[in-house]
Protein backbone atom coordinates (compact mmCIF):
# COMPACT_ATOMS: atom_id res chain seq x y z
CA MET A 1 0.00 0.00 0.00
CA ARG A 2 1.44 3.33 -1.08
CA LYS A 3 1.90 5.89 1.67
CA ASN A 4 0.57 9.40 1.29
CA THR A 5 3.78 11.38 0.80
CA ARG A 6 2.10 14.73 0.31
CA LYS A 7 3.60 17.26 2.67
CA LYS A 8 1.25 18.53 5.35
CA TYR A 9 1.38 22.26 5.86
CA PRO A 10 0.37 24.09 9.05
CA GLU A 11 -3.19 25.29 9.40
CA VAL A 12 -3.67 29.00 8.79
CA THR A 13 -6.62 31.32 9.37
CA ALA A 14 -8.24 33.55 6.77
CA ARG A 15 -6.42 36.52 8.34
CA ASP A 16 -3.10 34.64 8.16
CA LEU A 17 -3.66 33.95 4.47
CA LYS A 18 -4.43 37.61 3.74
CA ILE A 19 -1.19 38.60 5.45
CA LEU A 20 0.83 36.02 3.50
CA VAL A 21 -0.66 37.16 0.18
CA PHE A 22 -0.03 40.82 1.00
CA VAL A 23 3.60 40.15 1.92
CA LEU A 24 4.04 38.02 -1.21
CA GLU A 25 2.71 40.83 -3.37
CA SER A 26 4.87 43.46 -1.67
CA LYS A 27 8.28 41.68 -1.43
CA ILE A 28 8.87 43.23 1.99
CA VAL A 29 6.51 44.82 4.53
CA SER A 30 7.17 46.48 7.87
CA ARG A 31 5.26 45.61 11.03
CA ASN A 32 3.76 49.11 11.05
CA GLN A 33 2.52 48.72 7.48
CA LEU A 34 0.86 45.41 8.33
CA GLN A 35 -0.82 47.05 11.30
CA ASN A 36 -2.16 49.84 9.07
CA GLU A 37 -3.40 47.34 6.50
CA PHE A 38 -5.04 44.72 8.72
CA PHE A 39 -5.20 45.74 12.37
CA SER A 40 -5.57 49.52 12.60
CA HIS A 41 -9.15 49.46 13.86
CA THR A 42 -9.73 46.10 15.49
CA LYS A 43 -6.57 44.69 17.04
CA THR A 44 -3.92 45.78 19.49
CA VAL A 45 -0.20 45.85 18.81
CA ARG A 46 0.18 42.81 21.07
CA SER A 47 -2.28 40.80 18.96
CA LEU A 48 -0.44 41.69 15.77
CA ASN A 49 2.95 40.78 17.24
CA ALA A 50 1.61 37.43 18.44
CA ARG A 51 0.23 36.58 15.00
CA LEU A 52 3.44 37.60 13.21
CA ASN A 53 5.58 35.67 15.70
CA ARG A 54 3.48 32.58 15.02
CA LEU A 55 3.91 32.91 11.25
CA VAL A 56 7.67 33.31 11.71
CA LEU A 57 7.85 30.28 14.01
CA LEU A 58 5.95 28.27 11.39
CA SER A 59 8.59 29.39 8.84
CA LEU A 60 5.90 30.99 6.69
CA LEU A 61 7.43 34.46 7.05
CA SER A 62 11.00 35.58 7.63
CA ARG A 63 11.83 38.62 9.74
CA ALA A 64 14.71 41.11 9.49
CA GLY A 65 15.60 44.49 10.94
CA ILE A 66 15.92 47.46 8.55
CA GLN A 67 17.48 50.77 9.58
CA THR A 68 15.97 53.79 7.82
CA GLU A 69 16.98 57.42 8.16
CA LYS A 70 14.37 57.90 10.89
CA GLU A 71 13.83 54.56 12.63
CA PHE A 72 14.58 50.87 12.98
CA LEU A 73 11.88 48.64 11.48
CA PHE A 74 11.01 44.98 11.79
CA CYS A 75 10.18 43.80 8.28
CA TYR A 76 8.73 40.58 6.87
CA SER A 77 9.14 38.59 3.64
CA ILE A 78 7.47 35.39 2.52
CA THR A 79 9.36 32.10 2.64
CA LYS A 80 9.24 29.07 0.35
CA GLU A 81 6.90 27.40 2.86
CA GLY A 82 4.70 30.50 2.92
CA LEU A 83 4.51 30.45 -0.87
CA PHE A 84 3.31 26.83 -0.75
CA ILE A 85 0.51 27.86 1.63
CA VAL A 86 -0.59 30.57 -0.80
CA GLN A 87 -0.54 28.10 -3.67
CA GLU A 88 -2.64 25.64 -1.68
CA HIS A 89 -5.40 28.14 -0.89
CA LEU A 90 -5.68 30.47 -3.86
CA ILE A 91 -7.12 30.02 -7.34
CA TYR A 92 -4.19 31.79 -8.96
CA LYS A 93 -0.86 30.05 -8.50
CA PRO A 94 2.39 32.00 -8.11
CA LEU A 95 4.89 30.36 -10.43
CA LYS A 96 7.98 30.92 -8.35
CA LEU A 97 9.28 32.35 -5.10
CA PRO A 98 9.74 36.10 -5.67
CA GLU A 99 13.20 37.57 -5.46
CA ARG A 100 14.27 38.96 -2.12
CA SER A 101 14.07 42.71 -1.82
CA GLU A 102 17.39 44.19 -2.93
CA LYS A 103 16.23 47.75 -2.26
CA PRO A 104 14.24 47.56 1.00
CA ILE A 105 13.66 51.31 1.41
CA HIS A 106 12.43 51.53 -2.19
CA ASP A 107 10.13 48.53 -1.75
CA LEU A 108 8.80 49.64 1.64
CA THR A 109 7.89 53.02 0.15
CA LEU A 110 6.04 51.26 -2.66
CA VAL A 111 3.83 49.62 -0.01
CA ASP A 112 2.82 53.09 1.20
CA ILE A 113 2.26 54.30 -2.37
CA ARG A 114 0.06 51.29 -3.12
CA ARG A 115 -2.06 51.81 -0.02
CA PHE A 116 -2.54 55.49 -0.82
CA ILE A 117 -3.40 55.08 -4.51
CA SER A 118 -5.56 51.97 -4.04
CA LYS A 119 -8.00 53.94 -1.89
CA ARG A 120 -9.12 55.99 -4.91
CA LYS A 121 -12.51 55.05 -6.29
CA CYS A 122 -11.25 55.12 -9.86
CA VAL A 123 -8.64 52.41 -9.18
CA LEU A 124 -10.00 49.01 -10.22
CA ASN A 125 -6.80 46.96 -9.95
CA TYR A 126 -3.33 47.50 -8.54
CA LEU A 127 -0.84 44.79 -9.49
CA THR A 128 2.59 44.96 -7.87
CA GLU A 129 5.88 44.00 -9.52
CA ASN A 130 5.87 40.63 -7.73
CA VAL A 131 2.39 39.86 -9.07
CA LEU A 132 3.39 40.93 -12.58
CA GLN A 133 6.54 38.81 -12.58
CA CYS A 134 5.19 35.71 -10.81
CA LEU A 135 1.79 35.16 -12.41
CA ASP A 136 1.15 34.17 -16.04
CA ILE A 137 -2.35 35.61 -15.70
CA CYS A 138 -0.93 39.14 -15.91
CA ALA A 139 0.59 38.73 -19.35
CA GLU A 140 -2.16 36.49 -20.69
CA TYR A 141 -5.55 37.41 -19.18
CA TYR A 142 -4.83 41.09 -18.50
CA ASN A 143 -2.64 41.49 -21.63
CA LEU A 144 0.13 43.16 -19.64
CA GLY A 145 3.11 41.56 -21.36
CA ALA A 146 4.73 44.97 -21.95
CA PHE A 147 4.51 45.77 -18.23
CA VAL A 148 6.10 42.42 -17.34
CA LYS A 149 8.90 42.85 -19.90
CA SER A 150 9.65 46.38 -18.68
CA ASN A 151 9.80 45.30 -15.00
CA MET A 152 7.42 48.03 -13.92
CA ASP A 153 6.93 48.61 -10.19
CA ALA A 154 3.18 48.28 -10.66
CA ALA A 155 0.34 48.17 -13.17
CA ILE A 156 -2.81 50.12 -12.29
CA GLU A 157 -6.20 49.70 -13.93
CA LEU A 158 -8.27 52.90 -13.85
CA GLU A 159 -11.81 53.86 -14.79
CA ILE A 160 -12.09 57.58 -15.54
CA ASN A 161 -14.97 59.18 -17.44
CA GLN A 162 -16.38 55.70 -18.10
CA LYS A 163 -13.16 54.60 -19.80
CA ARG A 164 -11.04 51.74 -18.48
CA PHE A 165 -7.30 51.60 -19.11
CA TRP A 166 -3.99 50.47 -17.60
CA VAL A 167 -1.05 52.67 -16.64
CA ALA A 168 2.39 51.73 -15.33
CA LEU A 169 3.83 53.04 -12.08
CA GLU A 170 7.51 53.61 -11.30
CA PHE A 171 9.02 54.91 -8.07
CA GLU A 172 12.48 56.47 -8.11
CA ASN A 173 13.98 56.58 -4.64
CA THR A 174 17.46 57.85 -5.51
CA CYS A 175 19.05 59.89 -8.28
CA GLN A 176 20.37 57.84 -11.19
CA SER A 177 23.07 58.68 -13.73
CA PHE A 178 22.08 60.39 -16.98
CA GLU A 179 22.96 57.24 -18.94
CA LYS A 180 20.82 54.95 -16.78
CA THR A 181 17.85 57.35 -16.79
CA ASP A 182 18.12 57.86 -20.55
CA LYS A 183 18.20 54.12 -21.19
CA LYS A 184 15.23 53.48 -18.90
CA LEU A 185 13.08 56.22 -20.47
CA LYS A 186 13.91 55.14 -24.01
CA LYS A 187 12.91 51.58 -23.13
CA PHE A 188 9.56 52.90 -21.90
CA TYR A 189 8.97 54.98 -25.06
CA ASP A 190 9.82 51.93 -27.17
CA SER A 191 7.17 49.90 -25.33
CA GLU A 192 3.43 49.65 -25.97
CA ILE A 193 2.55 51.04 -22.54
CA ALA A 194 0.20 53.99 -23.00
CA ALA A 195 1.22 55.97 -19.92
CA MET A 196 3.33 55.85 -16.78
CA PHE A 197 2.88 57.42 -13.36
CA LEU A 198 6.31 58.47 -12.09
CA VAL A 199 6.72 59.07 -8.36
CA CYS A 200 10.04 60.59 -7.25
CA ARG A 201 11.42 60.97 -3.75
CA THR A 202 12.00 64.72 -4.30
CA LYS A 203 10.83 67.45 -6.67
CA THR A 204 14.44 68.04 -7.75
CA GLN A 205 14.78 64.41 -8.74
CA LEU A 206 11.55 64.61 -10.76
CA GLU A 207 12.83 67.71 -12.58
CA GLN A 208 16.11 65.95 -13.43
CA ILE A 209 14.26 63.01 -14.96
CA GLN A 210 11.95 65.34 -16.88
CA ALA A 211 15.01 67.12 -18.32
CA VAL A 212 16.26 63.82 -19.74
CA GLU A 213 12.76 63.06 -21.02
CA SER A 214 12.62 66.43 -22.81
CA ASP A 215 15.57 65.48 -25.03
CA ILE A 216 13.87 62.18 -25.89
CA LEU A 217 10.60 63.93 -26.75
CA LYS A 218 12.40 66.40 -29.04
CA SER A 219 14.35 63.70 -30.85
CA ARG A 220 11.21 61.63 -31.41
CA ASN A 221 8.86 64.56 -31.99
CA CYS A 222 6.24 63.11 -29.64
CA LYS A 223 4.23 64.12 -26.60
CA SER A 224 5.00 63.02 -23.08
CA ARG A 225 3.45 59.78 -21.80
CA ILE A 226 4.97 60.17 -18.33
CA TYR A 227 2.89 61.79 -15.60
CA GLY A 228 4.93 62.76 -12.56
CA ILE A 229 4.52 63.72 -8.92
CA SER A 230 6.88 63.98 -5.96
CA LEU A 231 6.43 61.58 -3.06
CA ASP A 232 5.78 64.26 -0.45
CA VAL A 233 3.04 65.84 -2.56
CA LEU A 234 1.46 62.44 -3.22
CA LEU A 235 1.35 61.35 0.43
CA ALA A 236 0.16 64.78 1.62
CA THR A 237 -2.77 64.91 -0.82
CA THR A 238 -6.14 64.90 0.92
CA THR A 239 -8.33 65.38 -2.16
CA SER A 240 -7.54 64.29 -5.72
CA ILE A 241 -4.11 63.06 -6.81
CA ASN A 242 -2.84 64.94 -9.85
CA PHE A 243 -0.16 63.34 -12.05
CA THR A 244 1.11 65.89 -14.60
CA SER A 245 3.10 65.45 -17.81
CA GLN A 246 5.53 67.85 -19.48
CA SER A 247 2.99 68.26 -22.27
CA GLY A 248 0.70 69.99 -19.78
CA LEU A 249 -1.78 67.13 -19.45
CA THR A 250 -2.99 65.92 -16.05
CA VAL A 251 -4.44 62.60 -14.96
CA ARG A 252 -6.60 63.22 -11.90
CA LEU A 253 -7.42 60.43 -9.47
CA PRO A 254 -10.45 61.50 -7.40
């Protein structure tokens, strides 16, 4: 008689599964970000810590300390075992374990950007880089092959004035060389992506990227498809978010 060799995974709650999926989608998440996402209104800090400690002890999440300019953060990433749990419970199946975060500050900021933009009523879907790179459904069902190939930080589906469309999102945390910025922008303008939201850490950084873009627009005799905003303006917005291009056009997210 053949023995059942199928590995038995630990039991998880619906809340545990939501946390695992969120961490999988985000690459890396701080404890504070998880509290804001799942526990801000109903649970205490002690309850959150107990749940996260359990998931770490079960080897479903890994934990590491990250030092930022302002504070020391406990941050979480999904493990191979955690990925198996997600595959067991969800209809869509991640194809592979996502890469570890190589730029933790960049990726942690993207979690905040996602939470802020996703609240807008016009946002129908927000797919992170991990989702784009790990799920065939993105390239096939959503027809987002260009987003996958370009390694965009996110793909956002919007409905504005009864029109539905996808835009890319990129976050630039640090200043890049002219050559690297020029190459990245040319790759975008060679793609089939209709528009990109560009979020920069500072206004100065945004202006530097727009200067490089201006040369590309002149050489190609085309209008801008990049709509920019600085991070501080984005996160301080209490009404509509306005992404503005060098061509003078604005995409408004109410």
